[in-house]
Each structure stands twice: as C-alpha cells, then as structure tokens.
C-alpha cells in the first residue's frame, strides 16, 4: 500500500482565468433571453409552451 499526498489548493485561486464568474454578462443575458423568446413567439404567432415531462423533449 502506498500513500500519496497532494499539495493543498489555494482558495483564493478558485476562479482563476477562464473559470472566473461572468457576472455582468450573465446579468444582461438574464434580461435579454426572455425578451428574445417573447419576441420570437409573438413574431411567429405561437404561444410559449414549456415541456411538462422529459418525454416531450427532443431526442
């Protein structure tokens, strides 16, 4: 049996580089996505339908 030890990770580096939260971008998307969906539904003349079961999702 062997023992392996790994260096402790630095909690300050949790969101380093590409993994940094995109706060302002996500906040703007939160408003833009529903508005875009509403426009598409009005433009195409269809009502918004949310699936009520996973079987209704495309394969």
C-alpha atoms as a PDB file:
ATOM      1  CA  UNK A   1       0.000   0.000   0.000  1.00  0.00           C
ATOM      2  CA  UNK A   2       1.288   3.451  -0.789  1.00  0.00           C
ATOM      3  CA  UNK A   3       0.369   6.895   0.368  1.00  0.00           C
ATOM      4  CA  UNK A   4       0.114   9.858  -1.934  1.00  0.00           C
ATOM      5  CA  UNK A   5      -0.097  13.423  -0.711  1.00  0.00           C
ATOM      6  CA  UNK A   6      -1.213  16.335  -2.825  1.00  0.00           C
ATOM      7  CA  UNK A   7      -0.440  19.986  -2.177  1.00  0.00           C
ATOM      8  CA  UNK A   8      -3.245  21.954  -0.595  1.00  0.00           C
ATOM      9  CA  UNK A   9      -5.108  24.154  -3.064  1.00  0.00           C
ATOM     10  CA  UNK A  10      -5.198  27.893  -2.545  1.00  0.00           C
ATOM     11  CA  UNK A  11      -8.844  29.020  -2.061  1.00  0.00           C
ATOM     12  CA  UNK A  12      -8.009  32.456  -3.491  1.00  0.00           C
ATOM     13  CA  UNK A  13      -7.302  30.831  -6.873  1.00  0.00           C
ATOM     14  CA  UNK A  14     -10.709  29.208  -7.082  1.00  0.00           C
ATOM     15  CA  UNK A  15     -11.850  31.339 -10.026  1.00  0.00           C
ATOM     16  CA  UNK A  16      -8.596  31.802 -11.861  1.00  0.00           C
ATOM     17  CA  UNK A  17      -8.520  32.706 -15.527  1.00  0.00           C
ATOM     18  CA  UNK A  18     -11.187  31.155 -17.739  1.00  0.00           C
ATOM     19  CA  UNK A  19     -13.208  29.972 -14.764  1.00  0.00           C
ATOM     20  CA  UNK A  20     -13.875  33.443 -13.402  1.00  0.00           C
ATOM     21  CA  UNK A  21     -17.603  34.217 -12.994  1.00  0.00           C
ATOM     22  CA  UNK A  22     -19.050  36.369 -15.768  1.00  0.00           C
ATOM     23  CA  UNK A  23     -21.346  38.413 -13.539  1.00  0.00           C
ATOM     24  CA  UNK A  24     -22.181  41.401 -15.722  1.00  0.00           C
ATOM     25  CA  UNK A  25     -22.555  39.290 -18.862  1.00  0.00           C
ATOM     26  CA  UNK A  26     -24.859  36.823 -17.130  1.00  0.00           C
ATOM     27  CA  UNK A  27     -26.968  39.631 -15.652  1.00  0.00           C
ATOM     28  CA  UNK A  28     -27.505  41.102 -19.126  1.00  0.00           C
ATOM     29  CA  UNK A  29     -28.369  37.679 -20.563  1.00  0.00           C
ATOM     30  CA  UNK A  30     -30.906  37.126 -17.798  1.00  0.00           C
ATOM     31  CA  UNK A  31     -32.911  40.045 -19.195  1.00  0.00           C
ATOM     32  CA  UNK A  32     -32.170  39.509 -22.895  1.00  0.00           C
ATOM     33  CA  UNK A  33     -33.089  35.819 -23.240  1.00  0.00           C
ATOM     34  CA  UNK A  34     -36.717  36.097 -22.058  1.00  0.00           C
ATOM     35  CA  UNK A  35     -37.217  39.259 -24.149  1.00  0.00           C
ATOM     36  CA  UNK A  36     -35.840  37.484 -27.216  1.00  0.00           C
ATOM     37  CA  UNK A  37     -38.095  34.491 -26.620  1.00  0.00           C
ATOM     38  CA  UNK A  38     -41.152  36.706 -26.188  1.00  0.00           C
ATOM     39  CA  UNK A  39     -40.364  38.479 -29.455  1.00  0.00           C
ATOM     40  CA  UNK A  40     -39.900  35.204 -31.359  1.00  0.00           C
ATOM     41  CA  UNK A  41     -43.182  33.814 -30.072  1.00  0.00           C
ATOM     42  CA  UNK A  42     -45.106  36.984 -30.991  1.00  0.00           C
ATOM     43  CA  UNK A  43     -43.390  37.223 -34.400  1.00  0.00           C
ATOM     44  CA  UNK A  44     -44.068  33.553 -35.237  1.00  0.00           C
ATOM     45  CA  UNK A  45     -47.610  33.712 -33.859  1.00  0.00           C
ATOM     46  CA  UNK A  46     -47.204  30.837 -31.399  1.00  0.00           C
ATOM     47  CA  UNK A  47     -47.694  30.581 -27.663  1.00  0.00           C
ATOM     48  CA  UNK A  48     -44.913  29.744 -25.256  1.00  0.00           C
ATOM     49  CA  UNK A  49     -45.014  26.066 -24.318  1.00  0.00           C
ATOM     50  CA  UNK A  50     -42.858  24.570 -21.610  1.00  0.00           C
ATOM     51  CA  UNK A  51     -42.469  20.791 -21.502  1.00  0.00           C
ATOM     52  CA  UNK A  52     -44.296  19.204 -18.597  1.00  0.00           C
ATOM     53  CA  UNK A  53     -42.395  15.921 -18.870  1.00  0.00           C
ATOM     54  CA  UNK A  54     -38.936  14.860 -20.042  1.00  0.00           C
ATOM     55  CA  UNK A  55     -40.617  12.670 -22.700  1.00  0.00           C
ATOM     56  CA  UNK A  56     -41.683  15.860 -24.513  1.00  0.00           C
ATOM     57  CA  UNK A  57     -38.053  16.888 -25.092  1.00  0.00           C
ATOM     58  CA  UNK A  58     -36.455  16.181 -28.466  1.00  0.00           C
ATOM     59  CA  UNK A  59     -34.138  13.166 -28.528  1.00  0.00           C
END
